[in-house]
Structures are given as C-alpha cells and as structure tokens.
Amino acid sequence: MLTEQEIFIRDKEYRENFEKYRSFSKQKAEIDALMNEIKESVAKLLHEDKINEKIVELANGEKWKGIYQSRSTSVTDLKALMEMVGPQRYGQIVTDKTSTFLSIRKAGKEKQKADSLVGSKPVEDDNIKPFVPGGTILS
C-alpha cells in the first residue's frame, strides 16, 4: 500500500509527463497545420503545371518529391456476409484482431448521473444478431 506522500509524488510524475505530452501535442498540431498549408501550395503548383509528380533537389543535396498516389481499400458489409454464408462459416471467414496501445489525450467531461435516461438505451441491442437459417431453399 502506497503512503500519501508516495501517491503525491507518483501523481506529480504523471502530471509532469502529461504536461510535456500536451505541449508536444500542441506543437505537433501547429506543425501539421503548416505542413498542410505547404501541401496545398504544392498541389496548386502541380495542378497549374498539369503534372502528377515533381522531384526537386534541395540546397543540401537531398532530393524530395511531391507525387499524387492512389490507394484503394475494400469495404465489406459484415451483416450481409453473415446472411449469405451463415453464422458457422462466418466465424471461419471473419476473425477479430485486437491490438492494445496507450492513448494519452484530454479527459472528457464528467459523466452525468448513472440514473439519467439520457445516457442509457431503453433496449440493449448490442448483442442481437440476426438469425440466419441454414440449409437449402427448395422452390
């Protein structure tokens, strides 16, 4: 069991680290905003020149390039997939991957009273899964 003094010291360490993190986070946001302004400027130049890529040598000899890239991602309607293949095959096809990471961010507001109706659903529907019958349909 920690003493009051040890708890105070530990909280001070947390506070100092969170203060540093907040400061760096603010600086990062400012830098990101400046970098986005530069991207907008480069995009304008590329559009004016009607090119998708430009490589430039900087004063220190490094070569940097601005290039438009495309990325495609597939989207799957998991409910429709379950309806098509059934729950047993669905479990074989779809697996959940969990990852754990530390997140440091500004704490949210205090929650309202537990008995408030604003923060609770009248019917809990998170665990309701549609019944998908198995078998062959005969016509």
C-alpha atoms as a PDB file:
ATOM      1  CA  MET A   1       0.000   0.000   0.000  1.00  0.00           C
ATOM      2  CA  LEU A   2       1.364   3.386  -1.004  1.00  0.00           C
ATOM      3  CA  THR A   3       1.621   6.186   1.522  1.00  0.00           C
ATOM      4  CA  GLU A   4       0.037   9.575   0.939  1.00  0.00           C
ATOM      5  CA  GLN A   5       3.485  11.021   0.197  1.00  0.00           C
ATOM      6  CA  GLU A   6       4.229   8.291  -2.386  1.00  0.00           C
ATOM      7  CA  ILE A   7       0.850   8.833  -4.051  1.00  0.00           C
ATOM      8  CA  PHE A   8       1.524  12.587  -4.204  1.00  0.00           C
ATOM      9  CA  ILE A   9       4.955  12.006  -5.789  1.00  0.00           C
ATOM     10  CA  ARG A  10       3.517   9.492  -8.273  1.00  0.00           C
ATOM     11  CA  ASP A  11       0.712  11.890  -9.262  1.00  0.00           C
ATOM     12  CA  LYS A  12       3.323  14.620  -9.729  1.00  0.00           C
ATOM     13  CA  GLU A  13       5.219  12.348 -12.164  1.00  0.00           C
ATOM     14  CA  TYR A  14       2.021  11.698 -14.122  1.00  0.00           C
ATOM     15  CA  ARG A  15       1.206  15.409 -14.167  1.00  0.00           C
ATOM     16  CA  GLU A  16       4.690  16.354 -15.433  1.00  0.00           C
ATOM     17  CA  ASN A  17       4.576  13.746 -18.193  1.00  0.00           C
ATOM     18  CA  PHE A  18       1.062  14.736 -19.253  1.00  0.00           C
ATOM     19  CA  GLU A  19       2.067  18.431 -19.309  1.00  0.00           C
ATOM     20  CA  LYS A  20       5.022  17.620 -21.594  1.00  0.00           C
ATOM     21  CA  TYR A  21       2.799  15.459 -23.795  1.00  0.00           C
ATOM     22  CA  ARG A  22       0.167  18.215 -24.038  1.00  0.00           C
ATOM     23  CA  SER A  23       2.840  20.722 -25.027  1.00  0.00           C
ATOM     24  CA  PHE A  24       4.273  18.457 -27.720  1.00  0.00           C
ATOM     25  CA  SER A  25       0.774  17.605 -28.945  1.00  0.00           C
ATOM     26  CA  LYS A  26       0.018  21.314 -29.375  1.00  0.00           C
ATOM     27  CA  GLN A  27       3.309  21.846 -31.244  1.00  0.00           C
ATOM     28  CA  LYS A  28       2.575  18.836 -33.446  1.00  0.00           C
ATOM     29  CA  ALA A  29      -0.862  20.220 -34.326  1.00  0.00           C
ATOM     30  CA  GLU A  30       0.710  23.550 -35.277  1.00  0.00           C
ATOM     31  CA  ILE A  31       3.371  21.822 -37.397  1.00  0.00           C
ATOM     32  CA  ASP A  32       0.719  19.625 -39.053  1.00  0.00           C
ATOM     33  CA  ALA A  33      -1.282  22.737 -39.948  1.00  0.00           C
ATOM     34  CA  LEU A  34       1.808  24.378 -41.503  1.00  0.00           C
ATOM     35  CA  MET A  35       2.644  21.186 -43.418  1.00  0.00           C
ATOM     36  CA  ASN A  36      -0.924  21.030 -44.747  1.00  0.00           C
ATOM     37  CA  GLU A  37      -0.584  24.621 -45.998  1.00  0.00           C
ATOM     38  CA  ILE A  38       2.593  23.588 -47.853  1.00  0.00           C
ATOM     39  CA  LYS A  39       0.793  20.563 -49.345  1.00  0.00           C
ATOM     40  CA  GLU A  40      -1.985  22.862 -50.580  1.00  0.00           C
ATOM     41  CA  SER A  41       0.620  25.146 -52.164  1.00  0.00           C
ATOM     42  CA  VAL A  42       2.427  22.231 -53.853  1.00  0.00           C
ATOM     43  CA  ALA A  43      -0.904  20.803 -55.040  1.00  0.00           C
ATOM     44  CA  LYS A  44      -1.760  24.171 -56.592  1.00  0.00           C
ATOM     45  CA  LEU A  45       1.609  24.228 -58.399  1.00  0.00           C
ATOM     46  CA  LEU A  46       1.197  20.647 -59.663  1.00  0.00           C
ATOM     47  CA  HIS A  47      -2.286  21.446 -60.957  1.00  0.00           C
ATOM     48  CA  GLU A  48      -1.079  24.617 -62.662  1.00  0.00           C
ATOM     49  CA  ASP A  49       1.763  22.646 -64.299  1.00  0.00           C
ATOM     50  CA  LYS A  50      -0.621  19.754 -65.077  1.00  0.00           C
ATOM     51  CA  ILE A  51       1.742  17.104 -63.657  1.00  0.00           C
ATOM     52  CA  ASN A  52       1.285  14.409 -61.006  1.00  0.00           C
ATOM     53  CA  GLU A  53       4.880  14.236 -59.789  1.00  0.00           C
ATOM     54  CA  LYS A  54       7.753  16.653 -59.260  1.00  0.00           C
ATOM     55  CA  ILE A  55      11.251  15.844 -57.956  1.00  0.00           C
ATOM     56  CA  VAL A  56      13.410  18.719 -56.695  1.00  0.00           C
ATOM     57  CA  GLU A  57      16.954  18.778 -55.336  1.00  0.00           C
ATOM     58  CA  LEU A  58      17.246  20.856 -52.166  1.00  0.00           C
ATOM     59  CA  ALA A  59      20.168  23.076 -51.176  1.00  0.00           C
ATOM     60  CA  ASN A  60      21.700  20.280 -49.064  1.00  0.00           C
ATOM     61  CA  GLY A  61      21.650  17.828 -51.985  1.00  0.00           C
ATOM     62  CA  GLU A  62      18.645  15.788 -50.832  1.00  0.00           C
ATOM     63  CA  LYS A  63      16.015  15.017 -53.432  1.00  0.00           C
ATOM     64  CA  TRP A  64      12.384  15.436 -52.384  1.00  0.00           C
ATOM     65  CA  LYS A  65       9.309  14.739 -54.447  1.00  0.00           C
ATOM     66  CA  GLY A  66       5.675  15.614 -54.452  1.00  0.00           C
ATOM     67  CA  ILE A  67       3.546  12.909 -56.007  1.00  0.00           C
ATOM     68  CA  TYR A  68      -0.111  12.008 -56.183  1.00  0.00           C
ATOM     69  CA  GLN A  69      -0.711   8.472 -55.020  1.00  0.00           C
ATOM     70  CA  SER A  70      -3.876   6.417 -55.059  1.00  0.00           C
ATOM     71  CA  ARG A  71      -4.908   3.849 -52.513  1.00  0.00           C
ATOM     72  CA  SER A  72      -7.928   1.638 -52.600  1.00  0.00           C
ATOM     73  CA  THR A  73      -9.475  -0.082 -49.642  1.00  0.00           C
ATOM     74  CA  SER A  74     -12.176  -2.687 -49.747  1.00  0.00           C
ATOM     75  CA  VAL A  75     -15.282  -2.373 -47.634  1.00  0.00           C
ATOM     76  CA  THR A  76     -17.227  -5.417 -46.506  1.00  0.00           C
ATOM     77  CA  ASP A  77     -20.809  -5.455 -45.292  1.00  0.00           C
ATOM     78  CA  LEU A  78     -20.372  -7.968 -42.487  1.00  0.00           C
ATOM     79  CA  LYS A  79     -24.107  -8.311 -41.824  1.00  0.00           C
ATOM     80  CA  ALA A  80     -24.750  -9.179 -45.468  1.00  0.00           C
ATOM     81  CA  LEU A  81     -21.855 -11.647 -45.410  1.00  0.00           C
ATOM     82  CA  MET A  82     -23.328 -13.382 -42.367  1.00  0.00           C
ATOM     83  CA  GLU A  83     -26.698 -13.610 -44.098  1.00  0.00           C
ATOM     84  CA  MET A  84     -25.071 -15.163 -47.169  1.00  0.00           C
ATOM     85  CA  VAL A  85     -22.753 -17.712 -45.572  1.00  0.00           C
ATOM     86  CA  GLY A  86     -24.416 -18.355 -42.209  1.00  0.00           C
ATOM     87  CA  PRO A  87     -23.023 -17.955 -38.697  1.00  0.00           C
ATOM     88  CA  GLN A  88     -20.775 -21.025 -38.725  1.00  0.00           C
ATOM     89  CA  ARG A  89     -18.959 -20.179 -41.982  1.00  0.00           C
ATOM     90  CA  TYR A  90     -18.941 -16.508 -40.987  1.00  0.00           C
ATOM     91  CA  GLY A  91     -16.872 -17.413 -37.921  1.00  0.00           C
ATOM     92  CA  GLN A  92     -14.395 -19.215 -40.179  1.00  0.00           C
ATOM     93  CA  ILE A  93     -14.122 -16.308 -42.626  1.00  0.00           C
ATOM     94  CA  VAL A  94     -14.144 -13.319 -40.278  1.00  0.00           C
ATOM     95  CA  THR A  95     -11.777 -13.060 -37.345  1.00  0.00           C
ATOM     96  CA  ASP A  96     -11.328 -10.177 -34.962  1.00  0.00           C
ATOM     97  CA  LYS A  97      -7.852  -8.818 -34.340  1.00  0.00           C
ATOM     98  CA  THR A  98      -7.375  -6.906 -31.120  1.00  0.00           C
ATOM     99  CA  SER A  99      -4.467  -4.561 -30.543  1.00  0.00           C
ATOM    100  CA  THR A 100      -3.578  -2.728 -27.375  1.00  0.00           C
ATOM    101  CA  PHE A 101      -1.895   0.649 -27.175  1.00  0.00           C
ATOM    102  CA  LEU A 102      -1.506   3.536 -24.763  1.00  0.00           C
ATOM    103  CA  SER A 103      -3.528   6.603 -25.604  1.00  0.00           C
ATOM    104  CA  ILE A 104      -2.893   9.935 -23.889  1.00  0.00           C
ATOM    105  CA  ARG A 105      -5.479  12.630 -24.506  1.00  0.00           C
ATOM    106  CA  LYS A 106      -7.529  15.289 -22.799  1.00  0.00           C
ATOM    107  CA  ALA A 107     -10.014  13.727 -20.409  1.00  0.00           C
ATOM    108  CA  GLY A 108     -13.670  14.140 -21.263  1.00  0.00           C
ATOM    109  CA  LYS A 109     -16.308  15.772 -19.144  1.00  0.00           C
ATOM    110  CA  GLU A 110     -17.565  14.019 -16.054  1.00  0.00           C
ATOM    111  CA  LYS A 111     -20.427  11.643 -16.806  1.00  0.00           C
ATOM    112  CA  GLN A 112     -23.951  12.521 -15.837  1.00  0.00           C
ATOM    113  CA  LYS A 113     -25.688  10.731 -13.026  1.00  0.00           C
ATOM    114  CA  ALA A 114     -25.953   6.977 -13.514  1.00  0.00           C
ATOM    115  CA  ASP A 115     -29.741   7.116 -13.182  1.00  0.00           C
ATOM    116  CA  SER A 116     -30.104   9.633 -16.036  1.00  0.00           C
ATOM    117  CA  LEU A 117     -32.115   8.388 -19.013  1.00  0.00           C
ATOM    118  CA  VAL A 118     -30.022  10.446 -21.439  1.00  0.00           C
ATOM    119  CA  GLY A 119     -27.050   8.099 -21.170  1.00  0.00           C
ATOM    120  CA  SER A 120     -28.826   4.752 -21.454  1.00  0.00           C
ATOM    121  CA  LYS A 121     -30.778   2.951 -24.167  1.00  0.00           C
ATOM    122  CA  PRO A 122     -34.297   1.790 -23.470  1.00  0.00           C
ATOM    123  CA  VAL A 123     -33.448  -1.576 -25.123  1.00  0.00           C
ATOM    124  CA  GLU A 124     -29.949  -3.046 -25.201  1.00  0.00           C
ATOM    125  CA  ASP A 125     -29.491  -4.210 -28.805  1.00  0.00           C
ATOM    126  CA  ASP A 126     -25.717  -4.693 -28.970  1.00  0.00           C
ATOM    127  CA  ASN A 127     -25.862  -8.470 -28.702  1.00  0.00           C
ATOM    128  CA  ILE A 128     -28.806  -9.035 -31.029  1.00  0.00           C
ATOM    129  CA  LYS A 129     -27.624 -10.923 -34.090  1.00  0.00           C
ATOM    130  CA  PRO A 130     -29.943 -11.759 -36.953  1.00  0.00           C
ATOM    131  CA  PHE A 131     -30.943 -15.403 -37.194  1.00  0.00           C
ATOM    132  CA  VAL A 132     -29.668 -16.840 -40.458  1.00  0.00           C
ATOM    133  CA  PRO A 133     -31.287 -20.177 -41.214  1.00  0.00           C
ATOM    134  CA  GLY A 134     -29.055 -22.853 -42.695  1.00  0.00           C
ATOM    135  CA  GLY A 135     -29.999 -25.335 -45.387  1.00  0.00           C
ATOM    136  CA  THR A 136     -31.190 -25.331 -48.946  1.00  0.00           C
ATOM    137  CA  ILE A 137     -34.196 -23.395 -50.217  1.00  0.00           C
ATOM    138  CA  LEU A 138     -36.486 -25.520 -52.389  1.00  0.00           C
ATOM    139  CA  SER A 139     -38.860 -23.897 -54.821  1.00  0.00           C
END
